[in-house]
C-alpha atoms as a PDB file:
ATOM      1  CA  MET A   1     -39.842 -49.729  17.089  1.00  0.00           C
ATOM      2  CA  PRO A   2     -41.249 -47.232  19.481  1.00  0.00           C
ATOM      3  CA  ARG A   3     -44.571 -45.472  18.398  1.00  0.00           C
ATOM      4  CA  SER A   4     -43.682 -41.652  18.563  1.00  0.00           C
ATOM      5  CA  VAL A   5     -45.220 -38.417  17.123  1.00  0.00           C
ATOM      6  CA  GLU A   6     -42.559 -38.655  14.742  1.00  0.00           C
ATOM      7  CA  SER A   7     -43.477 -42.278  13.353  1.00  0.00           C
ATOM      8  CA  ILE A   8     -47.133 -41.476  13.235  1.00  0.00           C
ATOM      9  CA  VAL A   9     -46.748 -38.333  11.433  1.00  0.00           C
ATOM     10  CA  ASP A  10     -44.906 -40.432   8.976  1.00  0.00           C
ATOM     11  CA  CYS A  11     -47.320 -42.437   8.492  1.00  0.00           C
ATOM     12  CA  HIS A  12     -49.870 -40.156   8.065  1.00  0.00           C
ATOM     13  CA  ARG A  13     -47.767 -38.503   5.156  1.00  0.00           C
ATOM     14  CA  ALA A  14     -46.934 -42.022   3.712  1.00  0.00           C
ATOM     15  CA  ALA A  15     -50.644 -42.628   3.252  1.00  0.00           C
ATOM     16  CA  THR A  16     -51.398 -38.891   2.169  1.00  0.00           C
ATOM     17  CA  ALA A  17     -49.329 -39.623  -0.406  1.00  0.00           C
ATOM     18  CA  LEU A  18     -50.546 -43.015  -1.720  1.00  0.00           C
ATOM     19  CA  LYS A  19     -53.940 -41.487  -1.712  1.00  0.00           C
ATOM     20  CA  ALA A  20     -52.562 -38.057  -3.475  1.00  0.00           C
ATOM     21  CA  ALA A  21     -51.269 -40.782  -6.420  1.00  0.00           C
ATOM     22  CA  GLY A  22     -54.391 -42.675  -6.489  1.00  0.00           C
ATOM     23  CA  ARG A  23     -53.434 -45.624  -4.564  1.00  0.00           C
ATOM     24  CA  SER A  24     -54.414 -47.156  -1.398  1.00  0.00           C
ATOM     25  CA  PRO A  25     -53.385 -46.217   1.401  1.00  0.00           C
ATOM     26  CA  TRP A  26     -53.137 -49.446   2.976  1.00  0.00           C
ATOM     27  CA  PRO A  27     -51.512 -51.572  -0.389  1.00  0.00           C
ATOM     28  CA  TYR A  28     -52.054 -54.801   1.933  1.00  0.00           C
ATOM     29  CA  GLN A  29     -54.417 -56.206   3.899  1.00  0.00           C
ATOM     30  CA  VAL A  30     -54.400 -58.737   6.163  1.00  0.00           C
ATOM     31  CA  ALA A  31     -57.551 -59.912   8.223  1.00  0.00           C
ATOM     32  CA  ILE A  32     -56.471 -61.035  11.847  1.00  0.00           C
ATOM     33  CA  ARG A  33     -59.451 -60.033  13.171  1.00  0.00           C
ATOM     34  CA  PRO A  34     -61.344 -63.635  12.443  1.00  0.00           C
ATOM     35  CA  LEU A  35     -58.168 -64.631  14.772  1.00  0.00           C
ATOM     36  CA  LEU A  36     -58.382 -62.422  17.110  1.00  0.00           C
ATOM     37  CA  ASP A  37     -61.873 -62.708  17.911  1.00  0.00           C
ATOM     38  CA  THR A  38     -62.467 -65.607  19.094  1.00  0.00           C
ATOM     39  CA  ARG A  39     -60.738 -64.380  22.221  1.00  0.00           C
ATOM     40  CA  GLU A  40     -62.586 -64.459  25.710  1.00  0.00           C
ATOM     41  CA  SER A  41     -61.944 -62.030  27.934  1.00  0.00           C
ATOM     42  CA  ASN A  42     -61.001 -65.157  29.922  1.00  0.00           C
ATOM     43  CA  VAL A  43     -58.617 -66.568  27.596  1.00  0.00           C
ATOM     44  CA  SER A  44     -55.658 -68.738  28.491  1.00  0.00           C
ATOM     45  CA  SER A  45     -52.676 -68.271  28.120  1.00  0.00           C
ATOM     46  CA  GLY A  46     -52.647 -71.159  25.757  1.00  0.00           C
ATOM     47  CA  GLU A  47     -55.496 -70.215  23.490  1.00  0.00           C
ATOM     48  CA  LEU A  48     -53.435 -67.060  23.450  1.00  0.00           C
ATOM     49  CA  VAL A  49     -50.332 -68.760  22.215  1.00  0.00           C
ATOM     50  CA  GLU A  50     -52.529 -70.342  19.458  1.00  0.00           C
ATOM     51  CA  THR A  51     -53.966 -67.252  18.007  1.00  0.00           C
ATOM     52  CA  ALA A  52     -49.834 -65.285  18.179  1.00  0.00           C
ATOM     53  CA  ARG A  53     -49.229 -68.877  16.134  1.00  0.00           C
ATOM     54  CA  GLY A  54     -51.935 -68.318  13.897  1.00  0.00           C
ATOM     55  CA  ILE A  55     -51.235 -64.433  13.302  1.00  0.00           C
ATOM     56  CA  ALA A  56     -47.866 -66.126  12.663  1.00  0.00           C
ATOM     57  CA  ALA A  57     -49.136 -68.118  10.067  1.00  0.00           C
ATOM     58  CA  LEU A  58     -51.319 -65.731   8.155  1.00  0.00           C
ATOM     59  CA  LEU A  59     -49.054 -63.089   7.894  1.00  0.00           C
ATOM     60  CA  ARG A  60     -46.304 -65.179   6.586  1.00  0.00           C
ATOM     61  CA  SER A  61     -49.357 -66.490   3.709  1.00  0.00           C
ATOM     62  CA  SER A  62     -49.811 -63.183   3.479  1.00  0.00           C
ATOM     63  CA  LEU A  63     -47.654 -60.998   2.767  1.00  0.00           C
ATOM     64  CA  PRO A  64     -45.148 -60.526  -0.152  1.00  0.00           C
ATOM     65  CA  PRO A  65     -42.039 -63.593   0.335  1.00  0.00           C
ATOM     66  CA  GLY A  66     -39.088 -61.270  -0.011  1.00  0.00           C
ATOM     67  CA  TRP A  67     -40.035 -59.324   3.566  1.00  0.00           C
ATOM     68  CA  MET A  68     -39.480 -62.124   5.405  1.00  0.00           C
ATOM     69  CA  ASP A  69     -36.446 -63.929   2.979  1.00  0.00           C
ATOM     70  CA  MET A  70     -32.871 -62.695   4.503  1.00  0.00           C
ATOM     71  CA  ARG A  71     -31.422 -63.600   0.423  1.00  0.00           C
ATOM     72  CA  SER A  72     -33.848 -61.498  -1.111  1.00  0.00           C
ATOM     73  CA  SER A  73     -33.313 -57.112  -1.000  1.00  0.00           C
ATOM     74  CA  ASP A  74     -36.846 -56.598   0.228  1.00  0.00           C
ATOM     75  CA  PHE A  75     -36.178 -58.390   3.786  1.00  0.00           C
ATOM     76  CA  ASP A  76     -37.464 -56.929   6.503  1.00  0.00           C
ATOM     77  CA  ARG A  77     -36.288 -57.713  10.108  1.00  0.00           C
ATOM     78  CA  ASP A  78     -38.255 -56.460  12.213  1.00  0.00           C
ATOM     79  CA  LEU A  79     -41.136 -58.157  10.557  1.00  0.00           C
ATOM     80  CA  GLU A  80     -38.903 -61.815  10.529  1.00  0.00           C
ATOM     81  CA  GLU A  81     -39.026 -60.851  14.454  1.00  0.00           C
ATOM     82  CA  LEU A  82     -42.314 -60.844  15.312  1.00  0.00           C
ATOM     83  CA  LEU A  83     -43.041 -63.447  13.535  1.00  0.00           C
ATOM     84  CA  GLU A  84     -40.603 -65.154  15.292  1.00  0.00           C
ATOM     85  CA  HIS A  85     -41.710 -64.191  18.942  1.00  0.00           C
ATOM     86  CA  PHE A  86     -45.656 -64.780  17.827  1.00  0.00           C
ATOM     87  CA  GLU A  87     -44.052 -68.410  16.257  1.00  0.00           C
ATOM     88  CA  GLN A  88     -41.635 -69.411  19.689  1.00  0.00           C
ATOM     89  CA  CYS A  89     -44.866 -67.836  22.119  1.00  0.00           C
ATOM     90  CA  THR A  90     -45.322 -70.040  24.889  1.00  0.00           C
ATOM     91  CA  SER A  91     -47.032 -70.306  28.101  1.00  0.00           C
ATOM     92  CA  ALA A  92     -44.439 -68.711  30.196  1.00  0.00           C
ATOM     93  CA  ASP A  93     -43.663 -66.146  28.019  1.00  0.00           C
ATOM     94  CA  LEU A  94     -47.102 -64.682  28.556  1.00  0.00           C
ATOM     95  CA  GLU A  95     -47.009 -65.412  31.797  1.00  0.00           C
ATOM     96  CA  VAL A  96     -45.453 -62.239  33.709  1.00  0.00           C
ATOM     97  CA  LYS A  97     -45.441 -61.764  37.742  1.00  0.00           C
ATOM     98  CA  TYR A  98     -48.309 -59.070  37.898  1.00  0.00           C
ATOM     99  CA  GLU A  99     -49.078 -59.460  34.462  1.00  0.00           C
ATOM    100  CA  GLU A 100     -52.730 -60.615  32.780  1.00  0.00           C
ATOM    101  CA  PRO A 101     -51.361 -63.467  29.839  1.00  0.00           C
ATOM    102  CA  ALA A 102     -54.051 -60.970  27.858  1.00  0.00           C
ATOM    103  CA  ASP A 103     -51.961 -57.922  28.690  1.00  0.00           C
ATOM    104  CA  VAL A 104     -48.641 -58.982  27.809  1.00  0.00           C
ATOM    105  CA  PHE A 105     -50.413 -60.692  24.595  1.00  0.00           C
ATOM    106  CA  ASP A 106     -51.710 -57.427  23.446  1.00  0.00           C
ATOM    107  CA  GLU A 107     -48.441 -55.097  24.158  1.00  0.00           C
ATOM    108  CA  ARG A 108     -46.689 -58.069  21.270  1.00  0.00           C
ATOM    109  CA  LEU A 109     -50.251 -56.625  19.361  1.00  0.00           C
ATOM    110  CA  GLU A 110     -49.522 -52.960  19.898  1.00  0.00           C
ATOM    111  CA  GLU A 111     -45.647 -54.011  18.674  1.00  0.00           C
ATOM    112  CA  LEU A 112     -47.382 -55.436  15.364  1.00  0.00           C
ATOM    113  CA  TYR A 113     -49.388 -52.936  14.676  1.00  0.00           C
ATOM    114  CA  ASP A 114     -46.989 -50.730  14.427  1.00  0.00           C
ATOM    115  CA  TRP A 115     -44.678 -52.457  12.713  1.00  0.00           C
ATOM    116  CA  ALA A 116     -48.067 -52.567  10.353  1.00  0.00           C
ATOM    117  CA  ASP A 117     -49.076 -49.057  10.273  1.00  0.00           C
ATOM    118  CA  SER A 118     -45.016 -47.891   9.469  1.00  0.00           C
ATOM    119  CA  ASN A 119     -45.008 -50.371   5.904  1.00  0.00           C
ATOM    120  CA  ARG A 120     -48.880 -49.657   4.691  1.00  0.00           C
ATOM    121  CA  VAL A 121     -50.142 -53.117   6.139  1.00  0.00           C
ATOM    122  CA  TRP A 122     -53.567 -52.643   7.143  1.00  0.00           C
ATOM    123  CA  LEU A 123     -54.303 -55.904   9.919  1.00  0.00           C
ATOM    124  CA  GLY A 124     -58.233 -55.862  10.051  1.00  0.00           C
END
């Protein structure tokens, strides 16, 4: 689900429609910032793995269960794949040649933020 001009416009339209209906543009809110704020600039890949797993656990406990239940009509395959990436993250996954582990982690985090924008989930 790469970010594109179209996806940004779609997100804006969804938020505008919710506001016009007197509803919050972010009907779901999950505070992942506390997990990210504990990171230092020179964080190890092991610490990033712990952060990734913490984010996955927090999302699983905070989002509607149907989104993560394959038997539900609300099941979201993209969300499940993202959560599995965070849950199964290893130091080896983050230690990519010519890239810092934090940069690899941030790329995955960006995918999560893109999903959240599309699904009206505020990740603060």
